[in-house]
């Protein structure tokens, strides 16, 4: 099954829209981007909302979370809270 856009055929029915260009990226190109630039490629855009975490900090976080969970379990069983 394919999804096609249909338009009125003038006689009360519908006919499939003509198939446009297959490469949708061609429709998005502007002379300001890519070929129009000096280096002939898109600029490197930074994402200010994402600051990647270093591998060391992520390992330290997960080890700390595991140690905290372990301590909560030990204290809980030691005091008889879960006993």
N, C-alpha and C. Protein backbone atom coordinates (compact mmCIF):
# COMPACT_ATOMS: atom_id res chain seq x y z
N UNK A 1 0.84 -1.16 0.00
CA UNK A 1 0.00 0.00 0.00
C UNK A 1 0.90 1.24 0.00
N UNK A 2 0.55 2.19 -0.81
CA UNK A 2 1.32 3.43 -0.82
C UNK A 2 0.38 4.59 -0.51
N UNK A 3 0.93 5.58 0.11
CA UNK A 3 0.16 6.78 0.40
C UNK A 3 0.43 7.79 -0.70
N UNK A 4 -0.64 8.18 -1.38
CA UNK A 4 -0.51 9.14 -2.46
C UNK A 4 -1.43 10.32 -2.17
N UNK A 5 -1.02 11.48 -2.58
CA UNK A 5 -1.88 12.64 -2.49
C UNK A 5 -2.77 12.65 -3.72
N UNK A 6 -4.04 12.97 -3.53
CA UNK A 6 -4.97 13.02 -4.63
C UNK A 6 -5.53 14.43 -4.74
N UNK A 7 -5.96 14.77 -5.95
CA UNK A 7 -6.56 16.07 -6.18
C UNK A 7 -7.81 15.87 -7.03
N UNK A 8 -8.71 16.85 -7.02
CA UNK A 8 -9.93 16.71 -7.84
C UNK A 8 -9.58 16.63 -9.32
N UNK A 9 -10.32 15.79 -10.05
CA UNK A 9 -10.04 15.64 -11.48
C UNK A 9 -10.95 16.51 -12.34
N UNK A 10 -11.84 17.29 -11.72
CA UNK A 10 -12.73 18.17 -12.49
C UNK A 10 -14.06 17.54 -12.82
N UNK A 11 -14.20 16.25 -12.63
CA UNK A 11 -15.45 15.56 -12.93
C UNK A 11 -16.07 14.99 -11.66
N UNK A 12 -15.66 15.47 -10.50
CA UNK A 12 -16.22 15.00 -9.24
C UNK A 12 -15.46 13.85 -8.62
N UNK A 13 -14.43 13.40 -9.28
CA UNK A 13 -13.63 12.30 -8.74
C UNK A 13 -12.26 12.80 -8.28
N UNK A 14 -11.42 11.85 -7.96
CA UNK A 14 -10.07 12.18 -7.52
C UNK A 14 -9.06 11.48 -8.42
N UNK A 15 -7.93 12.12 -8.62
CA UNK A 15 -6.85 11.51 -9.37
C UNK A 15 -5.55 11.70 -8.58
N UNK A 16 -4.62 10.75 -8.71
CA UNK A 16 -3.35 10.90 -7.98
C UNK A 16 -2.60 12.13 -8.46
N UNK A 17 -1.96 12.81 -7.53
CA UNK A 17 -1.13 13.95 -7.89
C UNK A 17 0.07 13.45 -8.67
N UNK A 18 0.56 14.26 -9.60
CA UNK A 18 1.74 13.82 -10.34
C UNK A 18 2.93 13.65 -9.39
N UNK A 19 3.72 12.65 -9.69
CA UNK A 19 4.88 12.36 -8.85
C UNK A 19 5.91 13.46 -9.06
N UNK A 20 6.31 14.08 -7.98
CA UNK A 20 7.30 15.16 -8.06
C UNK A 20 8.70 14.60 -8.08
N UNK A 21 9.63 15.46 -7.78
CA UNK A 21 11.02 15.05 -7.72
C UNK A 21 11.22 14.06 -6.59
N UNK A 22 11.98 13.04 -6.82
CA UNK A 22 12.21 12.03 -5.81
C UNK A 22 13.14 12.52 -4.71
N UNK A 23 14.09 13.39 -5.02
CA UNK A 23 15.05 13.86 -4.04
C UNK A 23 14.47 15.09 -3.34
N UNK A 24 13.89 14.89 -2.16
CA UNK A 24 13.25 15.97 -1.43
C UNK A 24 14.26 17.01 -0.96
N UNK A 25 15.54 16.61 -0.86
CA UNK A 25 16.55 17.56 -0.40
C UNK A 25 16.79 18.65 -1.44
N UNK A 26 16.53 18.37 -2.69
CA UNK A 26 16.69 19.38 -3.72
C UNK A 26 15.72 20.55 -3.50
N UNK A 27 14.57 20.27 -2.92
CA UNK A 27 13.60 21.32 -2.66
C UNK A 27 14.03 22.22 -1.50
N UNK A 28 14.91 21.74 -0.65
CA UNK A 28 15.33 22.49 0.51
C UNK A 28 16.57 23.33 0.26
N UNK A 29 17.21 23.13 -0.84
CA UNK A 29 18.48 23.82 -1.10
C UNK A 29 18.23 25.28 -1.46
N UNK A 30 19.10 26.10 -0.98
CA UNK A 30 19.03 27.52 -1.24
C UNK A 30 20.41 27.98 -1.69
N UNK A 31 20.50 29.05 -2.48
CA UNK A 31 21.82 29.53 -2.89
C UNK A 31 22.68 29.98 -1.71
N UNK A 32 22.03 30.25 -0.57
CA UNK A 32 22.80 30.69 0.59
C UNK A 32 23.53 29.54 1.25
N UNK A 33 23.11 28.30 0.99
CA UNK A 33 23.67 27.14 1.67
C UNK A 33 24.41 26.25 0.69
N UNK A 34 25.39 25.55 1.20
CA UNK A 34 26.09 24.54 0.40
C UNK A 34 26.89 25.12 -0.74
N UNK A 35 26.39 24.96 -1.96
CA UNK A 35 27.13 25.36 -3.15
C UNK A 35 27.37 26.86 -3.18
N UNK A 36 26.48 27.64 -2.61
CA UNK A 36 26.63 29.08 -2.61
C UNK A 36 27.70 29.59 -1.66
N UNK A 37 28.18 28.77 -0.76
CA UNK A 37 29.18 29.20 0.20
C UNK A 37 30.59 29.08 -0.37
N UNK A 38 31.52 29.73 0.27
CA UNK A 38 32.90 29.72 -0.22
C UNK A 38 33.50 28.32 -0.22
N UNK A 39 33.29 27.59 0.87
CA UNK A 39 33.90 26.26 0.96
C UNK A 39 33.05 25.19 0.28
N UNK A 40 31.95 25.58 -0.28
CA UNK A 40 31.03 24.67 -0.99
C UNK A 40 30.41 23.62 -0.08
N UNK A 41 30.29 23.92 1.21
CA UNK A 41 29.64 22.98 2.12
C UNK A 41 28.98 23.75 3.25
N UNK A 42 28.13 23.06 3.97
CA UNK A 42 27.38 23.71 5.04
C UNK A 42 28.30 24.09 6.19
N UNK A 43 27.98 25.16 6.89
CA UNK A 43 28.80 25.55 8.03
C UNK A 43 28.59 24.59 9.20
N UNK A 44 29.58 24.51 10.06
CA UNK A 44 29.45 23.69 11.27
C UNK A 44 28.61 24.47 12.28
N UNK A 45 27.42 23.98 12.53
CA UNK A 45 26.53 24.64 13.48
C UNK A 45 26.63 23.95 14.82
N UNK A 46 26.81 24.71 15.86
CA UNK A 46 26.92 24.14 17.19
C UNK A 46 25.55 24.14 17.85
N UNK A 47 25.32 23.17 18.70
CA UNK A 47 24.09 23.09 19.46
C UNK A 47 24.38 23.61 20.86
N UNK A 48 23.94 24.82 21.19
CA UNK A 48 24.26 25.38 22.50
C UNK A 48 23.55 24.69 23.65
N UNK A 49 22.51 23.90 23.34
CA UNK A 49 21.76 23.24 24.41
C UNK A 49 22.39 21.92 24.82
N UNK A 50 23.32 21.42 24.05
CA UNK A 50 23.92 20.13 24.38
C UNK A 50 25.39 20.30 24.68
N UNK A 51 25.76 19.99 25.88
CA UNK A 51 27.16 19.94 26.27
C UNK A 51 27.45 18.51 26.67
N UNK A 52 28.14 17.75 25.83
CA UNK A 52 28.34 16.33 26.13
C UNK A 52 29.13 16.12 27.42
N UNK A 53 28.73 15.09 28.14
CA UNK A 53 29.39 14.72 29.38
C UNK A 53 30.59 13.84 29.06
N UNK A 54 31.67 14.07 29.75
CA UNK A 54 32.86 13.25 29.51
C UNK A 54 32.61 11.83 30.00
N UNK A 55 33.36 10.89 29.45
CA UNK A 55 33.21 9.49 29.84
C UNK A 55 33.56 9.30 31.31
N UNK A 56 34.56 10.00 31.78
CA UNK A 56 34.97 9.87 33.18
C UNK A 56 33.84 10.30 34.12
N UNK A 57 33.19 11.42 33.81
CA UNK A 57 32.10 11.92 34.66
C UNK A 57 30.89 10.98 34.62
N UNK A 58 30.60 10.40 33.47
CA UNK A 58 29.45 9.50 33.39
C UNK A 58 29.72 8.20 34.16
N UNK A 59 30.95 7.68 34.08
CA UNK A 59 31.29 6.49 34.86
C UNK A 59 31.25 6.81 36.35
N UNK A 60 31.75 7.97 36.73
CA UNK A 60 31.72 8.39 38.12
C UNK A 60 30.28 8.53 38.62
N UNK A 61 29.40 9.07 37.80
CA UNK A 61 27.99 9.20 38.18
C UNK A 61 27.36 7.85 38.44
N UNK A 62 27.55 6.89 37.52
CA UNK A 62 26.91 5.58 37.68
C UNK A 62 27.51 4.81 38.85
N UNK A 63 28.80 4.93 39.07
CA UNK A 63 29.39 4.28 40.24
C UNK A 63 28.86 4.90 41.53
N UNK A 64 28.73 6.20 41.56
CA UNK A 64 28.18 6.88 42.74
C UNK A 64 26.73 6.49 42.98
N UNK A 65 25.95 6.39 41.91
CA UNK A 65 24.55 5.98 42.05
C UNK A 65 24.45 4.55 42.58
N UNK A 66 25.31 3.66 42.07
CA UNK A 66 25.33 2.28 42.56
C UNK A 66 25.73 2.22 44.02
N UNK A 67 26.75 3.00 44.42
CA UNK A 67 27.19 3.01 45.83
C UNK A 67 26.09 3.56 46.73
N UNK A 68 25.42 4.61 46.30
CA UNK A 68 24.32 5.18 47.09
C UNK A 68 23.18 4.17 47.26
N UNK A 69 22.84 3.47 46.19
CA UNK A 69 21.79 2.45 46.27
C UNK A 69 22.20 1.33 47.24
N UNK A 70 23.44 0.91 47.14
CA UNK A 70 23.94 -0.13 48.04
C UNK A 70 23.86 0.34 49.50
N UNK A 71 24.27 1.56 49.76
CA UNK A 71 24.21 2.08 51.13
C UNK A 71 22.78 2.18 51.65
N UNK A 72 21.87 2.59 50.80
CA UNK A 72 20.46 2.66 51.22
C UNK A 72 19.94 1.28 51.57
N UNK A 73 20.30 0.28 50.79
CA UNK A 73 19.88 -1.09 51.09
C UNK A 73 20.49 -1.59 52.39
N UNK A 74 21.77 -1.34 52.59
CA UNK A 74 22.45 -1.79 53.82
C UNK A 74 21.83 -1.12 55.05
N UNK A 75 21.62 0.19 54.96
CA UNK A 75 21.02 0.91 56.10
C UNK A 75 19.58 0.43 56.33
N UNK A 76 18.85 0.21 55.26
CA UNK A 76 17.46 -0.26 55.40
C UNK A 76 17.37 -1.62 56.06
N UNK A 77 18.21 -2.56 55.65
CA UNK A 77 18.20 -3.89 56.28
C UNK A 77 18.82 -3.85 57.67
N UNK A 78 19.82 -2.97 57.89
CA UNK A 78 20.47 -2.87 59.19
C UNK A 78 19.54 -2.33 60.27
N UNK A 79 18.67 -1.43 59.90
CA UNK A 79 17.72 -0.87 60.87
C UNK A 79 16.45 -1.67 60.97
N UNK A 80 16.29 -2.65 60.13
CA UNK A 80 15.08 -3.48 60.15
C UNK A 80 13.92 -2.88 59.37
N UNK A 81 14.19 -1.86 58.61
CA UNK A 81 13.13 -1.21 57.84
C UNK A 81 12.52 -2.16 56.80
N UNK A 82 13.38 -2.97 56.14
CA UNK A 82 12.91 -3.95 55.17
C UNK A 82 12.92 -5.36 55.75
N UNK A 83 13.10 -5.51 57.00
CA UNK A 83 13.26 -6.83 57.61
C UNK A 83 12.03 -7.53 58.00
